[in-house]
N, C-alpha and C. Protein backbone atom coordinates (compact mmCIF):
# COMPACT_ATOMS: atom_id res chain seq x y z
N UNK A 1 0.61 -0.96 0.42
CA UNK A 1 -0.18 0.11 0.08
C UNK A 1 0.69 0.89 0.36
N UNK A 2 0.33 1.90 -0.23
CA UNK A 2 1.01 3.52 -0.30
C UNK A 2 0.38 4.29 0.26
N UNK A 3 1.00 5.32 1.23
CA UNK A 3 0.44 6.31 2.44
C UNK A 3 0.92 7.15 2.20
N UNK A 4 0.91 8.79 2.12
CA UNK A 4 0.86 9.62 2.62
C UNK A 4 0.20 10.41 4.32
N UNK A 5 1.76 10.77 5.13
CA UNK A 5 0.96 11.24 5.78
C UNK A 5 1.59 12.54 5.64
N UNK A 6 0.64 14.31 5.83
CA UNK A 6 1.24 15.25 5.38
C UNK A 6 0.94 15.68 6.57
N UNK A 7 2.21 16.41 7.01
CA UNK A 7 2.83 16.85 8.77
C UNK A 7 3.60 15.22 9.36
N UNK A 8 3.59 14.33 8.83
CA UNK A 8 4.20 13.21 9.31
C UNK A 8 6.18 13.36 10.04
N UNK A 9 6.70 13.93 10.31
CA UNK A 9 8.13 14.05 10.46
C UNK A 9 7.77 14.57 11.53
N UNK A 10 6.85 14.98 12.39
CA UNK A 10 6.84 14.48 14.41
C UNK A 10 5.84 14.67 14.86
N UNK A 11 5.81 14.49 16.02
CA UNK A 11 4.99 14.06 16.97
C UNK A 11 4.17 13.41 16.11
N UNK A 12 2.55 13.39 16.82
CA UNK A 12 0.85 12.20 15.60
C UNK A 12 1.48 11.88 14.40
N UNK A 13 2.10 12.83 13.97
CA UNK A 13 2.15 11.86 12.35
C UNK A 13 3.07 11.27 12.11
N UNK A 14 4.15 11.82 12.76
CA UNK A 14 5.98 10.83 12.71
C UNK A 14 4.99 8.78 13.13
N UNK A 15 4.13 9.18 14.22
CA UNK A 15 3.74 8.46 15.03
C UNK A 15 2.39 7.57 14.00
N UNK A 16 1.92 7.50 13.66
CA UNK A 16 1.43 7.04 13.09
C UNK A 16 2.08 6.95 11.74
N UNK A 17 3.38 7.67 10.48
CA UNK A 17 4.05 7.18 9.93
C UNK A 17 4.51 5.80 10.18
N UNK A 18 5.01 5.87 11.55
CA UNK A 18 5.54 4.86 12.24
C UNK A 18 5.03 2.96 11.82
N UNK A 19 3.95 3.51 12.31
CA UNK A 19 3.13 2.37 12.76
C UNK A 19 2.30 1.77 10.66
N UNK A 20 2.04 2.83 9.85
CA UNK A 20 2.05 2.60 8.59
C UNK A 20 3.20 1.72 8.18
N UNK A 21 4.22 2.12 8.06
CA UNK A 21 5.91 1.43 8.30
C UNK A 21 4.99 0.18 8.12
N UNK A 22 5.24 -0.32 9.60
CA UNK A 22 5.81 -1.81 10.73
C UNK A 22 4.68 -2.16 10.08
N UNK A 23 3.08 -1.95 9.54
CA UNK A 23 2.22 -2.70 8.81
C UNK A 23 2.66 -2.79 7.08
N UNK A 24 3.61 -2.54 6.98
CA UNK A 24 3.93 -3.05 5.39
C UNK A 24 3.91 -1.46 4.09
N UNK A 25 3.73 -0.60 4.53
CA UNK A 25 3.11 0.64 3.71
C UNK A 25 4.28 1.25 3.32
N UNK A 26 4.61 1.64 2.15
CA UNK A 26 5.29 2.84 1.66
C UNK A 26 4.82 4.13 1.85
N UNK A 27 6.06 4.43 2.64
CA UNK A 27 5.01 5.82 3.36
C UNK A 27 5.98 7.32 2.68
N UNK A 28 5.34 8.02 2.36
CA UNK A 28 5.62 9.44 1.95
C UNK A 28 5.25 10.14 3.35
N UNK A 29 5.52 11.00 3.54
CA UNK A 29 5.88 11.79 5.17
C UNK A 29 6.41 13.55 4.54
N UNK A 30 5.20 14.60 4.74
CA UNK A 30 5.51 15.31 3.82
C UNK A 30 5.66 16.53 5.32
N UNK A 31 6.48 18.18 5.13
CA UNK A 31 6.26 18.97 6.36
C UNK A 31 7.10 20.16 5.71
N UNK A 32 7.17 21.08 6.61
CA UNK A 32 8.29 23.03 4.91
C UNK A 32 9.42 22.37 5.74
N UNK A 33 9.62 21.74 7.09
CA UNK A 33 10.87 22.52 7.90
C UNK A 33 12.00 21.23 6.45
N UNK A 34 13.18 21.11 5.99
CA UNK A 34 13.52 20.24 5.25
C UNK A 34 14.84 19.21 6.27
N UNK A 35 14.83 19.79 7.59
CA UNK A 35 16.13 19.16 8.47
C UNK A 35 14.99 18.63 9.13
N UNK A 36 13.42 18.89 9.35
CA UNK A 36 12.50 17.70 10.35
C UNK A 36 12.66 16.58 9.42
N UNK A 37 12.06 16.74 8.61
CA UNK A 37 12.05 16.37 7.46
C UNK A 37 13.06 14.92 6.90
N UNK A 38 14.04 15.72 6.73
CA UNK A 38 15.09 14.02 6.05
C UNK A 38 15.58 13.72 8.47
N UNK A 39 15.52 14.59 8.87
CA UNK A 39 15.62 13.31 10.09
C UNK A 39 14.41 12.05 10.16
N UNK A 40 13.34 12.94 10.07
CA UNK A 40 12.19 11.90 10.06
C UNK A 40 12.94 10.34 9.12
N UNK A 41 12.49 10.72 7.64
CA UNK A 41 12.81 10.11 6.59
C UNK A 41 14.10 9.04 7.54
N UNK A 42 15.00 9.28 8.08
CA UNK A 42 16.18 8.31 8.58
C UNK A 42 15.70 7.76 9.28
N UNK A 43 15.09 7.98 10.20
CA UNK A 43 14.64 7.29 11.69
C UNK A 43 13.48 6.40 11.02
N UNK A 44 12.79 6.82 10.14
CA UNK A 44 11.62 5.82 10.04
C UNK A 44 12.03 4.54 8.96
N UNK A 45 13.17 4.19 8.07
CA UNK A 45 13.72 3.87 8.32
C UNK A 45 13.48 3.93 5.63
N UNK A 46 13.65 3.20 5.33
CA UNK A 46 13.73 2.73 3.46
C UNK A 46 13.00 2.92 3.06
N UNK A 47 11.41 2.64 3.74
CA UNK A 47 10.03 2.64 2.96
C UNK A 47 9.36 3.49 3.79
N UNK A 48 10.53 4.83 3.85
CA UNK A 48 9.53 6.02 4.09
C UNK A 48 10.43 7.15 2.83
N UNK A 49 10.31 8.22 2.48
CA UNK A 49 10.93 9.33 1.88
C UNK A 49 10.06 10.88 1.84
N UNK A 50 10.72 11.20 2.39
CA UNK A 50 10.48 12.90 2.38
C UNK A 50 10.30 13.80 1.50
N UNK A 51 9.12 14.72 1.69
CA UNK A 51 9.04 15.48 -0.13
C UNK A 51 8.43 16.84 1.06
N UNK A 52 9.59 17.67 0.91
CA UNK A 52 9.38 18.50 1.15
C UNK A 52 7.80 19.90 0.55
N UNK A 53 6.86 20.26 1.32
CA UNK A 53 5.73 20.30 0.52
C UNK A 53 5.04 21.37 1.91
N UNK A 54 3.83 22.12 1.08
CA UNK A 54 3.46 23.52 2.29
C UNK A 54 2.36 23.38 1.43
N UNK A 55 0.82 23.23 2.53
CA UNK A 55 -0.52 22.70 2.38
C UNK A 55 -0.91 23.95 1.85
N UNK A 56 -0.38 24.99 1.82
CA UNK A 56 -1.14 26.37 1.45
C UNK A 56 -0.05 27.17 0.12
N UNK A 57 0.01 26.23 -0.45
CA UNK A 57 0.93 26.88 -1.58
C UNK A 57 0.42 25.50 -2.37
N UNK A 58 -1.29 25.50 -3.27
CA UNK A 58 -0.86 24.50 -4.47
C UNK A 58 -0.04 24.43 -5.18
N UNK A 59 1.08 25.63 -6.10
CA UNK A 59 2.06 24.37 -6.42
C UNK A 59 2.81 23.69 -6.06
N UNK A 60 3.12 23.91 -4.54
CA UNK A 60 3.79 22.80 -3.95
C UNK A 60 3.13 21.19 -4.06
N UNK A 61 1.72 21.18 -3.51
CA UNK A 61 0.39 20.00 -2.79
C UNK A 61 0.72 19.69 -4.24
N UNK A 62 -0.04 20.56 -5.94
CA UNK A 62 0.27 19.31 -7.02
C UNK A 62 1.81 18.84 -7.45
N UNK A 63 3.05 19.35 -6.74
CA UNK A 63 3.99 18.64 -7.02
C UNK A 63 4.17 17.29 -6.28
N UNK A 64 4.08 17.85 -5.07
CA UNK A 64 3.57 16.41 -4.03
C UNK A 64 2.89 15.41 -5.32
N UNK A 65 1.78 15.90 -4.95
CA UNK A 65 0.72 14.19 -5.63
C UNK A 65 2.02 13.87 -7.51
N UNK A 66 2.65 15.01 -7.84
CA UNK A 66 3.11 14.30 -9.20
C UNK A 66 4.00 13.15 -8.59
N UNK A 67 4.27 13.70 -7.95
CA UNK A 67 5.84 12.75 -7.06
C UNK A 67 5.11 11.14 -7.23
N UNK A 68 4.45 11.01 -6.53
CA UNK A 68 3.84 9.98 -6.48
C UNK A 68 3.05 9.47 -7.44
N UNK A 69 2.13 10.14 -7.83
CA UNK A 69 1.43 9.30 -9.47
C UNK A 69 3.14 9.22 -9.90
N UNK A 70 3.70 9.69 -10.76
CA UNK A 70 5.01 8.98 -11.23
C UNK A 70 5.31 8.15 -10.97
N UNK A 71 5.52 7.71 -9.26
CA UNK A 71 6.06 6.69 -8.92
C UNK A 71 5.78 5.21 -9.17
N UNK A 72 3.91 5.69 -8.82
CA UNK A 72 3.27 4.42 -7.86
C UNK A 72 2.06 4.26 -9.05
N UNK A 73 0.93 5.30 -8.85
CA UNK A 73 0.16 5.59 -10.13
C UNK A 73 -0.35 5.62 -9.36
N UNK A 74 -0.40 5.81 -7.62
CA UNK A 74 -1.97 5.14 -7.45
C UNK A 74 -1.51 5.74 -5.90
N UNK A 75 -2.86 5.77 -4.52
CA UNK A 75 -2.60 6.45 -3.72
C UNK A 75 -3.24 5.67 -3.01
N UNK A 76 -3.33 4.92 -1.59
CA UNK A 76 -4.19 3.85 -1.61
C UNK A 76 -4.93 4.72 0.12
N UNK A 77 -3.51 5.90 1.13
CA UNK A 77 -3.92 5.88 1.79
C UNK A 77 -3.61 7.35 2.33
N UNK A 78 -4.44 8.15 3.06
CA UNK A 78 -3.55 9.35 2.92
C UNK A 78 -4.35 10.08 4.37
N UNK A 79 -3.26 11.28 5.05
CA UNK A 79 -3.72 11.25 6.76
C UNK A 79 -2.92 12.31 6.53
N UNK A 80 -4.05 13.41 6.10
CA UNK A 80 -3.88 14.74 6.52
C UNK A 80 -3.57 15.83 7.82
N UNK A 81 -2.57 15.75 8.53
CA UNK A 81 -2.18 15.77 9.97
C UNK A 81 -1.41 17.51 9.80
N UNK A 82 -1.25 17.75 9.07
CA UNK A 82 -0.47 19.52 9.12
C UNK A 82 -0.97 19.88 9.67
N UNK A 83 -1.05 20.53 11.21
CA UNK A 83 -1.70 22.21 11.31
C UNK A 83 -0.68 22.76 12.48
N UNK A 84 -1.51 24.24 12.76
CA UNK A 84 -0.53 25.00 13.43
C UNK A 84 -1.32 25.32 14.96
N UNK A 85 -0.64 26.34 15.95
CA UNK A 85 -1.92 26.56 16.70
C UNK A 85 -1.67 28.13 16.48
N UNK A 86 -2.16 28.89 17.05
CA UNK A 86 -1.35 30.34 17.02
C UNK A 86 -1.37 30.41 18.94
N UNK A 87 -0.78 32.23 18.36
CA UNK A 87 0.20 32.46 19.84
C UNK A 87 -1.43 32.37 20.91
N UNK A 88 -1.19 31.47 22.09
CA UNK A 88 -2.18 32.06 23.41
C UNK A 88 -2.60 33.56 23.93
N UNK A 89 -4.12 33.85 23.18
CA UNK A 89 -4.08 35.69 22.90
C UNK A 89 -5.04 35.21 23.23
N UNK A 90 -6.13 36.25 24.00
CA UNK A 90 -7.61 36.77 23.59
C UNK A 90 -7.66 37.75 22.10
N UNK A 91 -8.84 37.45 21.30
CA UNK A 91 -8.68 37.73 20.63
C UNK A 91 -8.86 39.11 19.68
N UNK A 92 -8.70 39.94 21.42
CA UNK A 92 -8.51 41.37 20.46
C UNK A 92 -7.27 41.47 20.21
N UNK A 93 -6.07 40.67 20.70
CA UNK A 93 -4.87 41.04 20.81
C UNK A 93 -3.99 40.18 19.86
N UNK A 94 -4.10 39.25 19.04
CA UNK A 94 -4.36 38.70 18.53
C UNK A 94 -4.54 39.72 16.87
N UNK A 95 -2.51 39.28 16.09
CA UNK A 95 -2.34 40.05 14.75
C UNK A 95 -2.63 39.14 13.69
N UNK A 96 -3.53 39.88 12.96
CA UNK A 96 -4.47 38.99 11.31
C UNK A 96 -3.84 38.07 10.71
N UNK A 97 -2.64 38.63 10.56
CA UNK A 97 -2.60 37.76 9.63
C UNK A 97 -1.56 36.02 10.28
N UNK A 98 -1.87 36.61 11.67
CA UNK A 98 -1.38 34.92 12.93
C UNK A 98 -2.91 34.63 11.94
N UNK A 99 -3.26 35.30 12.75
CA UNK A 99 -5.37 34.37 12.16
C UNK A 99 -5.25 33.42 11.38
N UNK A 100 -5.09 34.56 10.34
CA UNK A 100 -5.31 34.26 8.80
C UNK A 100 -4.30 33.12 8.68
N UNK A 101 -3.43 33.24 8.67
CA UNK A 101 -2.39 31.81 8.80
C UNK A 101 -3.09 30.19 9.26
N UNK A 102 -3.71 30.72 10.86
CA UNK A 102 -3.86 29.56 11.46
C UNK A 102 -5.15 28.67 10.41
N UNK A 103 -5.84 29.79 9.88
CA UNK A 103 -7.17 28.91 9.11
C UNK A 103 -6.06 28.37 7.92
N UNK A 104 -5.24 28.91 6.82
CA UNK A 104 -4.91 28.57 5.49
C UNK A 104 -4.61 27.27 6.44
N UNK A 105 -3.55 27.23 7.33
CA UNK A 105 -3.24 25.99 7.91
C UNK A 105 -4.01 24.60 7.58
N UNK A 106 -4.65 25.07 8.75
CA UNK A 106 -5.42 24.01 9.23
C UNK A 106 -6.64 24.15 8.92
N UNK A 107 -7.39 24.52 7.77
CA UNK A 107 -9.04 24.18 7.39
C UNK A 107 -8.62 24.01 6.36
N UNK A 108 -7.56 25.12 5.48
CA UNK A 108 -7.84 25.81 3.89
C UNK A 108 -6.95 24.18 3.47
N UNK A 109 -6.00 23.67 4.09
CA UNK A 109 -5.35 23.09 3.41
C UNK A 109 -5.41 21.89 3.44
N UNK A 110 -6.28 20.64 3.92
CA UNK A 110 -6.63 19.98 3.93
C UNK A 110 -7.86 19.72 2.81
N UNK A 111 -8.83 21.27 2.39
CA UNK A 111 -9.48 21.11 1.52
C UNK A 111 -8.48 21.73 0.57
N UNK A 112 -7.80 21.73 0.27
CA UNK A 112 -7.09 21.70 -1.02
C UNK A 112 -6.16 19.99 -0.85
N UNK A 113 -5.53 18.89 -0.10
CA UNK A 113 -5.60 18.19 -0.20
C UNK A 113 -6.60 17.57 -0.88
N UNK A 114 -7.55 17.45 -0.16
CA UNK A 114 -8.40 16.29 -0.49
C UNK A 114 -9.20 16.50 -1.75
N UNK A 115 -8.66 17.92 -2.54
CA UNK A 115 -8.81 18.14 -3.80
C UNK A 115 -8.07 16.71 -4.79
N UNK A 116 -6.69 16.87 -4.67
CA UNK A 116 -6.13 15.81 -5.01
C UNK A 116 -5.75 14.86 -4.69
N UNK A 117 -5.45 14.54 -3.83
CA UNK A 117 -6.13 12.93 -2.78
C UNK A 117 -7.04 12.31 -3.35
N UNK A 118 -8.31 12.59 -3.51
CA UNK A 118 -9.58 12.30 -3.93
C UNK A 118 -9.13 12.10 -6.11
N UNK A 119 -8.35 12.71 -6.15
CA UNK A 119 -7.92 12.52 -8.18
C UNK A 119 -7.06 11.46 -7.94
N UNK A 120 -6.13 10.79 -6.96
CA UNK A 120 -4.78 9.97 -6.81
C UNK A 120 -5.77 8.36 -6.69
N UNK A 121 -6.32 8.73 -5.45
CA UNK A 121 -7.02 7.95 -5.31
C UNK A 121 -7.91 7.11 -6.24
N UNK A 122 -8.85 8.52 -6.54
CA UNK A 122 -10.12 7.76 -7.93
C UNK A 122 -9.49 6.08 -8.72
N UNK A 123 -8.02 6.47 -9.27
CA UNK A 123 -7.58 6.12 -10.17
C UNK A 123 -8.06 4.35 -10.04
N UNK A 124 -8.24 4.26 -8.82
CA UNK A 124 -8.28 2.12 -8.58
C UNK A 124 -9.08 2.44 -7.63
N UNK A 125 -9.73 1.12 -7.29
CA UNK A 125 -10.65 0.52 -6.37
C UNK A 125 -10.72 1.53 -4.86
N UNK A 126 -10.84 2.31 -4.72
CA UNK A 126 -10.53 2.96 -3.12
C UNK A 126 -9.55 2.87 -3.04
N UNK A 127 -9.60 4.00 -1.70
CA UNK A 127 -8.26 4.21 -0.76
C UNK A 127 -9.36 4.15 0.95
N UNK A 128 -8.62 5.53 1.71
CA UNK A 128 -9.14 5.92 2.78
C UNK A 128 -7.97 7.29 3.18
N UNK A 129 -9.20 8.10 3.02
CA UNK A 129 -8.48 9.70 3.77
C UNK A 129 -8.69 9.37 5.03
N UNK A 130 -7.97 10.22 6.18
CA UNK A 130 -8.19 10.81 7.33
C UNK A 130 -7.67 12.12 7.57
N UNK A 131 -8.27 12.81 8.34
CA UNK A 131 -8.59 14.51 8.50
C UNK A 131 -8.54 13.89 10.06
N UNK A 132 -6.83 14.81 10.50
CA UNK A 132 -6.74 14.64 12.06
C UNK A 132 -7.49 16.27 12.33
N UNK A 133 -8.14 16.02 13.55
CA UNK A 133 -8.84 17.15 14.39
C UNK A 133 -8.18 17.22 15.69
N UNK A 134 -9.19 18.25 16.09
CA UNK A 134 -8.22 18.65 17.38
C UNK A 134 -10.38 18.32 18.90
N UNK A 135 -10.04 17.81 19.76
CA UNK A 135 -10.90 18.79 20.78
C UNK A 135 -11.49 19.64 20.79
N UNK A 136 -10.62 20.68 20.56
CA UNK A 136 -10.50 22.08 20.70
C UNK A 136 -11.40 22.68 19.25
N UNK A 137 -12.06 21.86 18.53
CA UNK A 137 -13.29 22.47 17.34
C UNK A 137 -14.06 22.08 18.26
N UNK A 138 -14.24 21.04 18.97
CA UNK A 138 -15.17 20.85 19.65
C UNK A 138 -15.98 22.03 20.71
N UNK A 139 -14.80 21.71 22.03
CA UNK A 139 -14.65 22.26 23.22
C UNK A 139 -14.49 23.72 23.11
N UNK A 140 -13.63 23.84 22.34
CA UNK A 140 -13.08 25.87 22.28
C UNK A 140 -11.82 25.61 23.16
N UNK A 141 -11.25 26.19 22.92
CA UNK A 141 -9.94 26.77 24.00
C UNK A 141 -10.07 27.86 24.40
N UNK A 142 -10.07 28.45 25.02
CA UNK A 142 -9.63 29.97 25.94
C UNK A 142 -8.04 29.99 25.30
N UNK A 143 -8.18 31.60 24.86
CA UNK A 143 -7.34 32.62 24.03
C UNK A 143 -6.55 31.10 22.92
N UNK A 144 -7.43 30.45 22.45
CA UNK A 144 -6.65 30.51 20.98
C UNK A 144 -7.92 30.56 19.86
N UNK A 145 -8.56 31.50 19.93
CA UNK A 145 -9.37 32.08 18.68
C UNK A 145 -9.14 31.97 17.68
N UNK A 146 -7.84 31.14 16.94
CA UNK A 146 -7.53 31.11 15.90
C UNK A 146 -7.96 29.80 15.85
N UNK A 147 -6.66 28.70 16.58
CA UNK A 147 -6.74 27.66 16.59
C UNK A 147 -8.04 26.50 17.31
N UNK A 148 -8.87 27.29 17.63
CA UNK A 148 -10.20 26.40 17.86
C UNK A 148 -11.56 26.19 16.83
N UNK A 149 -11.19 27.42 16.12
CA UNK A 149 -13.20 27.40 15.19
C UNK A 149 -12.00 26.71 13.70
N UNK A 150 -10.80 27.03 14.00
CA UNK A 150 -9.93 25.84 12.54
C UNK A 150 -10.59 25.05 12.51
N UNK A 151 -10.16 24.13 13.69
CA UNK A 151 -10.61 22.78 14.19
C UNK A 151 -12.02 22.42 14.37
N UNK A 152 -12.34 23.50 14.16
CA UNK A 152 -14.27 23.13 14.27
C UNK A 152 -14.95 22.85 12.78
N UNK A 153 -13.77 23.55 11.65
CA UNK A 153 -14.97 23.69 10.60
C UNK A 153 -14.64 22.11 9.61
């Protein structure tokens, strides 16, 4: 199986990638930081490939799926895990660019990924897509005026 873990270089994404590789998958991981990505790739072993990618940049996302398609012609599983938080502050103290960045990564990023994942997954008889969210989207978190709504959407 060919798997993709977006935001797979550390934390939950790294752990998910590790489990997928242990289950026999060829796993692609993405992130914006090349050093973190190459370190994760080295730790995860030969069945892991890091691709530097930014979920807020459609050209970067298109290139990600071109690489996977050219190499395998399919995608069986995608885990959309990329996400960021904002600084802890009341909404009146938030900078709009920070608020916008959180929404672009946490809300619009998965939508852009879904557009391209479904195109590649639909080339064969099915697959799975998992969008990672947070209980902060259901419960709300004080002083997280950007993060909570980005995860609720």
